[in-house]
PDB file of N, CA and C in Angstrom:
ATOM      1  N   MET A   1       0.876  -1.170   0.057  1.00  0.00           N
ATOM      2  CA  MET A   1      -0.042   0.053   0.061  1.00  0.00           C
ATOM      3  C   MET A   1       0.844   1.254  -0.032  1.00  0.00           C
ATOM      4  N   ASN A   2       0.616   2.201  -0.998  1.00  0.00           N
ATOM      5  CA  ASN A   2       1.693   3.253  -1.093  1.00  0.00           C
ATOM      6  C   ASN A   2       1.074   4.622  -0.898  1.00  0.00           C
ATOM      7  N   ASP A   3      -0.428   4.563  -0.591  1.00  0.00           N
ATOM      8  CA  ASP A   3      -1.134   5.915  -0.487  1.00  0.00           C
ATOM      9  C   ASP A   3      -1.715   6.079   0.942  1.00  0.00           C
ATOM     10  N   PRO A   4      -0.950   6.943   1.620  1.00  0.00           N
ATOM     11  CA  PRO A   4      -1.276   7.091   3.068  1.00  0.00           C
ATOM     12  C   PRO A   4      -2.677   7.710   3.243  1.00  0.00           C
ATOM     13  N   LYS A   5      -3.250   8.300   2.213  1.00  0.00           N
ATOM     14  CA  LYS A   5      -4.753   8.607   2.247  1.00  0.00           C
ATOM     15  C   LYS A   5      -5.679   7.407   2.233  1.00  0.00           C
ATOM     16  N   ARG A   6      -5.353   6.282   1.947  1.00  0.00           N
ATOM     17  CA  ARG A   6      -6.241   5.239   1.637  1.00  0.00           C
ATOM     18  C   ARG A   6      -5.681   4.015   2.637  1.00  0.00           C
ATOM     19  N   VAL A   7      -4.926   4.317   3.632  1.00  0.00           N
ATOM     20  CA  VAL A   7      -4.570   3.221   4.681  1.00  0.00           C
ATOM     21  C   VAL A   7      -5.683   2.395   5.055  1.00  0.00           C
ATOM     22  N   GLU A   8      -6.612   3.126   5.738  1.00  0.00           N
ATOM     23  CA  GLU A   8      -7.813   2.528   6.451  1.00  0.00           C
ATOM     24  C   GLU A   8      -8.556   1.800   5.562  1.00  0.00           C
ATOM     25  N   GLU A   9      -8.880   2.141   4.155  1.00  0.00           N
ATOM     26  CA  GLU A   9      -9.457   1.369   3.145  1.00  0.00           C
ATOM     27  C   GLU A   9      -8.794   0.080   2.937  1.00  0.00           C
ATOM     28  N   ALA A  10      -7.421   0.279   2.823  1.00  0.00           N
ATOM     29  CA  ALA A  10      -6.627  -1.074   2.463  1.00  0.00           C
ATOM     30  C   ALA A  10      -6.772  -2.008   3.688  1.00  0.00           C
ATOM     31  N   ILE A  11      -6.633  -1.489   5.002  1.00  0.00           N
ATOM     32  CA  ILE A  11      -6.606  -2.477   5.939  1.00  0.00           C
ATOM     33  C   ILE A  11      -8.049  -2.966   6.152  1.00  0.00           C
ATOM     34  N   ALA A  12      -9.082  -2.306   5.930  1.00  0.00           N
ATOM     35  CA  ALA A  12     -10.476  -2.885   6.048  1.00  0.00           C
ATOM     36  C   ALA A  12     -10.577  -4.046   4.937  1.00  0.00           C
ATOM     37  N   ASN A  13     -10.024  -3.815   3.849  1.00  0.00           N
ATOM     38  CA  ASN A  13     -10.087  -4.773   2.706  1.00  0.00           C
ATOM     39  C   ASN A  13      -9.201  -5.915   2.928  1.00  0.00           C
ATOM     40  N   GLU A  14      -7.985  -5.750   3.376  1.00  0.00           N
ATOM     41  CA  GLU A  14      -6.989  -6.863   3.395  1.00  0.00           C
ATOM     42  C   GLU A  14      -6.906  -7.556   4.893  1.00  0.00           C
ATOM     43  N   ARG A  15      -7.417  -6.862   5.851  1.00  0.00           N
ATOM     44  CA  ARG A  15      -7.312  -7.427   7.269  1.00  0.00           C
ATOM     45  C   ARG A  15      -6.001  -7.996   7.608  1.00  0.00           C
ATOM     46  N   PRO A  16      -5.036  -7.236   7.708  1.00  0.00           N
ATOM     47  CA  PRO A  16      -3.712  -7.701   7.945  1.00  0.00           C
ATOM     48  C   PRO A  16      -3.528  -7.991   9.641  1.00  0.00           C
ATOM     49  N   SER A  17      -2.654  -8.966   9.867  1.00  0.00           N
ATOM     50  CA  SER A  17      -2.436  -9.277  11.244  1.00  0.00           C
ATOM     51  C   SER A  17      -1.410  -8.344  11.945  1.00  0.00           C
ATOM     52  N   VAL A  18      -0.563  -7.529  11.075  1.00  0.00           N
ATOM     53  CA  VAL A  18       0.434  -6.729  11.513  1.00  0.00           C
ATOM     54  C   VAL A  18       0.612  -5.522  10.496  1.00  0.00           C
ATOM     55  N   ILE A  19       0.612  -4.323  10.986  1.00  0.00           N
ATOM     56  CA  ILE A  19       0.825  -3.211  10.013  1.00  0.00           C
ATOM     57  C   ILE A  19       2.266  -2.684  10.178  1.00  0.00           C
ATOM     58  N   LEU A  20       3.032  -2.479   9.059  1.00  0.00           N
ATOM     59  CA  LEU A  20       4.330  -1.995   9.049  1.00  0.00           C
ATOM     60  C   LEU A  20       4.225  -0.583   8.389  1.00  0.00           C
ATOM     61  N   LEU A  21       4.449   0.491   9.194  1.00  0.00           N
ATOM     62  CA  LEU A  21       4.513   1.904   8.799  1.00  0.00           C
ATOM     63  C   LEU A  21       5.848   2.591   8.751  1.00  0.00           C
ATOM     64  N   ASP A  22       5.953   3.303   7.706  1.00  0.00           N
ATOM     65  CA  ASP A  22       7.194   4.201   7.631  1.00  0.00           C
ATOM     66  C   ASP A  22       6.741   5.545   8.359  1.00  0.00           C
ATOM     67  N   VAL A  23       7.679   6.153   8.956  1.00  0.00           N
ATOM     68  CA  VAL A  23       7.288   7.435   9.607  1.00  0.00           C
ATOM     69  C   VAL A  23       7.136   8.494   8.632  1.00  0.00           C
ATOM     70  N   VAL A  24       8.064   8.645   7.574  1.00  0.00           N
ATOM     71  CA  VAL A  24       7.957   9.558   6.751  1.00  0.00           C
ATOM     72  C   VAL A  24       7.053   9.228   5.521  1.00  0.00           C
ATOM     73  N   MET A  25       5.981   9.819   5.271  1.00  0.00           N
ATOM     74  CA  MET A  25       4.989   9.455   4.138  1.00  0.00           C
ATOM     75  C   MET A  25       4.494  10.766   3.583  1.00  0.00           C
ATOM     76  N   PRO A  26       3.992  10.862   2.350  1.00  0.00           N
ATOM     77  CA  PRO A  26       3.528  12.132   1.944  1.00  0.00           C
ATOM     78  C   PRO A  26       2.037  12.324   2.511  1.00  0.00           C
ATOM     79  N   ASP A  27       1.617  13.499   2.637  1.00  0.00           N
ATOM     80  CA  ASP A  27       0.282  13.969   3.076  1.00  0.00           C
ATOM     81  C   ASP A  27       0.209  13.548   4.672  1.00  0.00           C
ATOM     82  N   ARG A  28       0.277  12.425   5.241  1.00  0.00           N
ATOM     83  CA  ARG A  28       0.124  12.127   6.533  1.00  0.00           C
ATOM     84  C   ARG A  28       1.387  11.366   6.908  1.00  0.00           C
ATOM     85  N   ASN A  29       1.888  11.617   8.092  1.00  0.00           N
ATOM     86  CA  ASN A  29       3.179  10.933   8.579  1.00  0.00           C
ATOM     87  C   ASN A  29       2.654   9.643   9.263  1.00  0.00           C
ATOM     88  N   GLY A  30       3.531   8.729   9.638  1.00  0.00           N
ATOM     89  CA  GLY A  30       3.113   7.415  10.112  1.00  0.00           C
ATOM     90  C   GLY A  30       2.640   7.774  11.599  1.00  0.00           C
ATOM     91  N   PHE A  31       2.901   8.778  12.266  1.00  0.00           N
ATOM     92  CA  PHE A  31       2.414   8.940  13.544  1.00  0.00           C
ATOM     93  C   PHE A  31       1.000   9.373  13.632  1.00  0.00           C
ATOM     94  N   GLN A  32       0.618  10.286  12.587  1.00  0.00           N
ATOM     95  CA  GLN A  32      -0.781  10.478  12.434  1.00  0.00           C
ATOM     96  C   GLN A  32      -1.649   9.243  11.914  1.00  0.00           C
ATOM     97  N   VAL A  33      -1.236   8.482  11.146  1.00  0.00           N
ATOM     98  CA  VAL A  33      -1.707   7.252  10.771  1.00  0.00           C
ATOM     99  C   VAL A  33      -1.987   6.232  11.810  1.00  0.00           C
ATOM    100  N   CYS A  34      -0.899   6.228  12.721  1.00  0.00           N
ATOM    101  CA  CYS A  34      -0.896   5.300  13.721  1.00  0.00           C
ATOM    102  C   CYS A  34      -2.067   5.693  14.815  1.00  0.00           C
ATOM    103  N   ARG A  35      -2.020   6.919  15.131  1.00  0.00           N
ATOM    104  CA  ARG A  35      -3.008   7.506  16.241  1.00  0.00           C
ATOM    105  C   ARG A  35      -4.355   7.227  15.655  1.00  0.00           C
ATOM    106  N   GLU A  36      -4.691   7.467  14.371  1.00  0.00           N
ATOM    107  CA  GLU A  36      -5.957   7.288  13.784  1.00  0.00           C
ATOM    108  C   GLU A  36      -6.409   5.827  13.699  1.00  0.00           C
ATOM    109  N   LEU A  37      -5.308   4.954  13.476  1.00  0.00           N
ATOM    110  CA  LEU A  37      -5.771   3.536  13.520  1.00  0.00           C
ATOM    111  C   LEU A  37      -6.098   3.106  14.942  1.00  0.00           C
ATOM    112  N   LYS A  38      -5.196   3.464  15.858  1.00  0.00           N
ATOM    113  CA  LYS A  38      -5.432   3.180  17.190  1.00  0.00           C
ATOM    114  C   LYS A  38      -6.695   3.749  17.847  1.00  0.00           C
ATOM    115  N   SER A  39      -7.194   4.885  17.304  1.00  0.00           N
ATOM    116  CA  SER A  39      -8.442   5.376  17.903  1.00  0.00           C
ATOM    117  C   SER A  39      -9.582   4.721  17.147  1.00  0.00           C
ATOM    118  N   ASN A  40      -9.359   4.033  16.370  1.00  0.00           N
ATOM    119  CA  ASN A  40     -10.526   3.417  15.552  1.00  0.00           C
ATOM    120  C   ASN A  40     -10.805   1.852  16.137  1.00  0.00           C
ATOM    121  N   SER A  41     -11.990   1.615  16.651  1.00  0.00           N
ATOM    122  CA  SER A  41     -12.203   0.367  17.168  1.00  0.00           C
ATOM    123  C   SER A  41     -12.137  -0.795  16.291  1.00  0.00           C
ATOM    124  N   GLU A  42     -12.231  -0.523  15.076  1.00  0.00           N
ATOM    125  CA  GLU A  42     -12.217  -1.453  13.957  1.00  0.00           C
ATOM    126  C   GLU A  42     -10.747  -1.987  13.766  1.00  0.00           C
ATOM    127  N   PHE A  43      -9.760  -1.063  14.055  1.00  0.00           N
ATOM    128  CA  PHE A  43      -8.383  -1.446  13.667  1.00  0.00           C
ATOM    129  C   PHE A  43      -7.457  -1.425  14.923  1.00  0.00           C
ATOM    130  N   ASN A  44      -7.897  -0.902  16.117  1.00  0.00           N
ATOM    131  CA  ASN A  44      -6.991  -0.682  17.220  1.00  0.00           C
ATOM    132  C   ASN A  44      -6.317  -1.884  17.886  1.00  0.00           C
ATOM    133  N   THR A  45      -6.754  -3.062  17.622  1.00  0.00           N
ATOM    134  CA  THR A  45      -6.059  -4.323  17.941  1.00  0.00           C
ATOM    135  C   THR A  45      -5.070  -4.865  17.011  1.00  0.00           C
ATOM    136  N   ILE A  46      -4.938  -4.200  15.914  1.00  0.00           N
ATOM    137  CA  ILE A  46      -3.933  -4.784  14.898  1.00  0.00           C
ATOM    138  C   ILE A  46      -2.527  -4.147  15.285  1.00  0.00           C
ATOM    139  N   PRO A  47      -1.552  -4.874  15.637  1.00  0.00           N
ATOM    140  CA  PRO A  47      -0.261  -4.334  16.081  1.00  0.00           C
ATOM    141  C   PRO A  47       0.361  -3.508  14.919  1.00  0.00           C
ATOM    142  N   VAL A  48       1.019  -2.246  15.250  1.00  0.00           N
ATOM    143  CA  VAL A  48       1.642  -1.365  14.244  1.00  0.00           C
ATOM    144  C   VAL A  48       3.140  -1.401  14.626  1.00  0.00           C
ATOM    145  N   ILE A  49       4.020  -1.600  13.642  1.00  0.00           N
ATOM    146  CA  ILE A  49       5.322  -1.521  13.687  1.00  0.00           C
ATOM    147  C   ILE A  49       5.821  -0.429  12.881  1.00  0.00           C
ATOM    148  N   PHE A  50       6.578   0.505  13.441  1.00  0.00           N
ATOM    149  CA  PHE A  50       7.246   1.588  12.704  1.00  0.00           C
ATOM    150  C   PHE A  50       8.597   1.234  12.252  1.00  0.00           C
ATOM    151  N   GLY A  51       8.967   1.580  10.997  1.00  0.00           N
ATOM    152  CA  GLY A  51      10.307   1.607  10.423  1.00  0.00           C
ATOM    153  C   GLY A  51      10.708   2.897  10.353  1.00  0.00           C
ATOM    154  N   ASP A  52      11.954   3.314  10.762  1.00  0.00           N
ATOM    155  CA  ASP A  52      12.562   4.511  10.741  1.00  0.00           C
ATOM    156  C   ASP A  52      14.091   4.598  10.942  1.00  0.00           C
ATOM    157  N   GLU A  53      14.638   5.605  10.458  1.00  0.00           N
ATOM    158  CA  GLU A  53      16.156   5.580  10.549  1.00  0.00           C
ATOM    159  C   GLU A  53      16.730   5.679  11.966  1.00  0.00           C
ATOM    160  N   GLN A  54      17.730   5.081  12.195  1.00  0.00           N
ATOM    161  CA  GLN A  54      18.338   4.926  13.499  1.00  0.00           C
ATOM    162  C   GLN A  54      18.735   6.341  14.102  1.00  0.00           C
ATOM    163  N   ARG A  55      19.175   7.282  13.152  1.00  0.00           N
ATOM    164  CA  ARG A  55      19.575   8.594  13.574  1.00  0.00           C
ATOM    165  C   ARG A  55      18.511   9.464  14.180  1.00  0.00           C
ATOM    166  N   PHE A  56      17.222   8.929  14.047  1.00  0.00           N
ATOM    167  CA  PHE A  56      16.080   9.703  14.637  1.00  0.00           C
ATOM    168  C   PHE A  56      15.423   8.945  15.781  1.00  0.00           C
ATOM    169  N   ALA A  57      16.292   8.638  16.785  1.00  0.00           N
ATOM    170  CA  ALA A  57      16.027   7.751  17.830  1.00  0.00           C
ATOM    171  C   ALA A  57      14.847   8.531  18.722  1.00  0.00           C
ATOM    172  N   LYS A  58      14.805   9.721  18.735  1.00  0.00           N
ATOM    173  CA  LYS A  58      13.663  10.446  19.469  1.00  0.00           C
ATOM    174  C   LYS A  58      12.254  10.108  18.954  1.00  0.00           C
ATOM    175  N   ARG A  59      12.285   9.865  17.742  1.00  0.00           N
ATOM    176  CA  ARG A  59      11.000   9.396  17.024  1.00  0.00           C
ATOM    177  C   ARG A  59      10.481   8.054  17.526  1.00  0.00           C
ATOM    178  N   GLN A  60      11.327   7.276  18.174  1.00  0.00           N
ATOM    179  CA  GLN A  60      10.841   5.969  18.739  1.00  0.00           C
ATOM    180  C   GLN A  60       9.824   6.293  19.893  1.00  0.00           C
ATOM    181  N   VAL A  61      10.176   7.328  20.651  1.00  0.00           N
ATOM    182  CA  VAL A  61       9.297   7.816  21.793  1.00  0.00           C
ATOM    183  C   VAL A  61       7.914   8.372  21.282  1.00  0.00           C
ATOM    184  N   LEU A  62       8.151   9.220  20.049  1.00  0.00           N
ATOM    185  CA  LEU A  62       6.869   9.642  19.469  1.00  0.00           C
ATOM    186  C   LEU A  62       6.038   8.557  18.931  1.00  0.00           C
ATOM    187  N   GLY A  63       6.638   7.580  18.351  1.00  0.00           N
ATOM    188  CA  GLY A  63       5.993   6.344  17.875  1.00  0.00           C
ATOM    189  C   GLY A  63       5.203   5.550  18.855  1.00  0.00           C
ATOM    190  N   ARG A  64       5.914   5.487  19.994  1.00  0.00           N
ATOM    191  CA  ARG A  64       5.207   4.655  21.179  1.00  0.00           C
ATOM    192  C   ARG A  64       4.016   5.594  21.649  1.00  0.00           C
ATOM    193  N   THR A  65       4.326   6.826  21.790  1.00  0.00           N
ATOM    194  CA  THR A  65       3.119   7.827  22.265  1.00  0.00           C
ATOM    195  C   THR A  65       1.906   7.682  21.190  1.00  0.00           C
ATOM    196  N   ALA A  66       2.188   7.558  19.929  1.00  0.00           N
ATOM    197  CA  ALA A  66       1.147   7.518  18.922  1.00  0.00           C
ATOM    198  C   ALA A  66       0.512   6.113  18.960  1.00  0.00           C
ATOM    199  N   GLY A  67       0.977   5.078  19.654  1.00  0.00           N
ATOM    200  CA  GLY A  67       0.427   3.855  19.914  1.00  0.00           C
ATOM    201  C   GLY A  67       1.112   2.699  19.211  1.00  0.00           C
ATOM    202  N   ALA A  68       2.250   2.913  18.687  1.00  0.00           N
ATOM    203  CA  ALA A  68       3.082   1.845  18.049  1.00  0.00           C
ATOM    204  C   ALA A  68       3.238   0.753  18.999  1.00  0.00           C
ATOM    205  N   ASP A  69       3.343  -0.512  18.391  1.00  0.00           N
ATOM    206  CA  ASP A  69       3.571  -1.741  19.162  1.00  0.00           C
ATOM    207  C   ASP A  69       5.062  -2.200  19.050  1.00  0.00           C
ATOM    208  N   GLY A  70       5.603  -1.692  18.043  1.00  0.00           N
ATOM    209  CA  GLY A  70       6.986  -2.059  17.677  1.00  0.00           C
ATOM    210  C   GLY A  70       7.880  -1.209  16.951  1.00  0.00           C
ATOM    211  N   TYR A  71       9.124  -1.364  16.904  1.00  0.00           N
ATOM    212  CA  TYR A  71       9.927  -0.348  16.046  1.00  0.00           C
ATOM    213  C   TYR A  71      11.112  -1.035  15.495  1.00  0.00           C
ATOM    214  N   VAL A  72      11.333  -0.930  14.315  1.00  0.00           N
ATOM    215  CA  VAL A  72      12.614  -1.418  13.562  1.00  0.00           C
ATOM    216  C   VAL A  72      13.385  -0.224  13.003  1.00  0.00           C
ATOM    217  N   THR A  73      14.673  -0.092  13.213  1.00  0.00           N
ATOM    218  CA  THR A  73      15.529   0.929  12.617  1.00  0.00           C
ATOM    219  C   THR A  73      16.069   0.559  11.242  1.00  0.00           C
ATOM    220  N   LYS A  74      16.098   1.504  10.378  1.00  0.00           N
ATOM    221  CA  LYS A  74      16.603   1.237   9.045  1.00  0.00           C
ATOM    222  C   LYS A  74      18.110   1.633   9.142  1.00  0.00           C
ATOM    223  N   PRO A  75      18.921   0.989   8.413  1.00  0.00           N
ATOM    224  CA  PRO A  75      18.554  -0.080   7.587  1.00  0.00           C
ATOM    225  C   PRO A  75      18.440  -1.348   8.469  1.00  0.00           C
ATOM    226  N   PHE A  76      17.352  -2.161   8.188  1.00  0.00           N
ATOM    227  CA  PHE A  76      17.118  -3.340   8.890  1.00  0.00           C
ATOM    228  C   PHE A  76      17.266  -4.439   8.128  1.00  0.00           C
ATOM    229  N   THR A  77      17.813  -5.686   8.470  1.00  0.00           N
ATOM    230  CA  THR A  77      17.745  -6.927   7.970  1.00  0.00           C
ATOM    231  C   THR A  77      16.369  -7.658   7.756  1.00  0.00           C
ATOM    232  N   ARG A  78      16.327  -8.590   6.835  1.00  0.00           N
ATOM    233  CA  ARG A  78      15.190  -9.247   6.651  1.00  0.00           C
ATOM    234  C   ARG A  78      14.829 -10.115   8.037  1.00  0.00           C
ATOM    235  N   GLU A  79      15.795 -10.540   8.645  1.00  0.00           N
ATOM    236  CA  GLU A  79      15.681 -11.344   9.802  1.00  0.00           C
ATOM    237  C   GLU A  79      15.176 -10.331  10.984  1.00  0.00           C
ATOM    238  N   GLU A  80      15.713  -9.194  11.049  1.00  0.00           N
ATOM    239  CA  GLU A  80      15.218  -8.236  11.991  1.00  0.00           C
ATOM    240  C   GLU A  80      13.826  -7.856  11.903  1.00  0.00           C
ATOM    241  N   LEU A  81      13.369  -7.714  10.667  1.00  0.00           N
ATOM    242  CA  LEU A  81      11.930  -7.268  10.432  1.00  0.00           C
ATOM    243  C   LEU A  81      11.118  -8.567  10.589  1.00  0.00           C
ATOM    244  N   LEU A  82      11.519  -9.602  10.281  1.00  0.00           N
ATOM    245  CA  LEU A  82      10.723 -10.869  10.617  1.00  0.00           C
ATOM    246  C   LEU A  82      10.664 -11.225  12.116  1.00  0.00           C
ATOM    247  N   ARG A  83      11.603 -10.857  12.888  1.00  0.00           N
ATOM    248  CA  ARG A  83      11.679 -11.079  14.288  1.00  0.00           C
ATOM    249  C   ARG A  83      10.719 -10.098  14.985  1.00  0.00           C
ATOM    250  N   ALA A  84      10.551  -8.939  14.393  1.00  0.00           N
ATOM    251  CA  ALA A  84       9.644  -7.854  14.860  1.00  0.00           C
ATOM    252  C   ALA A  84       8.162  -8.091  14.549  1.00  0.00           C
ATOM    253  N   VAL A  85       7.880  -8.742  13.340  1.00  0.00           N
ATOM    254  CA  VAL A  85       6.575  -9.169  13.078  1.00  0.00           C
ATOM    255  C   VAL A  85       6.147 -10.431  13.716  1.00  0.00           C
ATOM    256  N   ARG A  86       7.110 -11.343  13.934  1.00  0.00           N
ATOM    257  CA  ARG A  86       6.699 -12.520  14.675  1.00  0.00           C
ATOM    258  C   ARG A  86       6.283 -12.378  16.002  1.00  0.00           C
ATOM    259  N   ARG A  87       6.781 -11.310  16.651  1.00  0.00           N
ATOM    260  CA  ARG A  87       6.306 -10.946  18.055  1.00  0.00           C
ATOM    261  C   ARG A  87       4.722 -10.736  18.143  1.00  0.00           C
ATOM    262  N   PHE A  88       4.042 -10.447  17.016  1.00  0.00           N
ATOM    263  CA  PHE A  88       2.763 -10.179  16.947  1.00  0.00           C
ATOM    264  C   PHE A  88       1.875 -11.253  16.195  1.00  0.00           C
ATOM    265  N   ALA A  89       2.461 -12.059  15.399  1.00  0.00           N
ATOM    266  CA  ALA A  89       1.706 -12.979  14.574  1.00  0.00           C
ATOM    267  C   ALA A  89       1.384 -14.296  15.293  1.00  0.00           C
TER     268      ALA A  89
END
C-alpha cells in the first residue's frame, strides 16, 4: 500500500495481522496514521510496527506515544523485520 490517504481502506479490505508503517510518508506521517488507527475500534487491536532511520531515535518515543507496538530501525535486515513481525503474529 503506497497511499497514506487510503490506509484505512486497504486495512479494511485486506485485514492484515500486523501493520508496518514508515514514519515519513506524503500527506500524513506515520504518527498521524498510527494515532488514527489506534483510535478506531475496527483497527486498534492490529499491532503497528514503525520503520525509521536510527539517527532519529527520539521518534521512537513519538511512535510509542502514537500507539506503535514495535519499532525497527533502518537499515534493517530481513531477519530483524521478521523477528519484529513474529512478536505479533
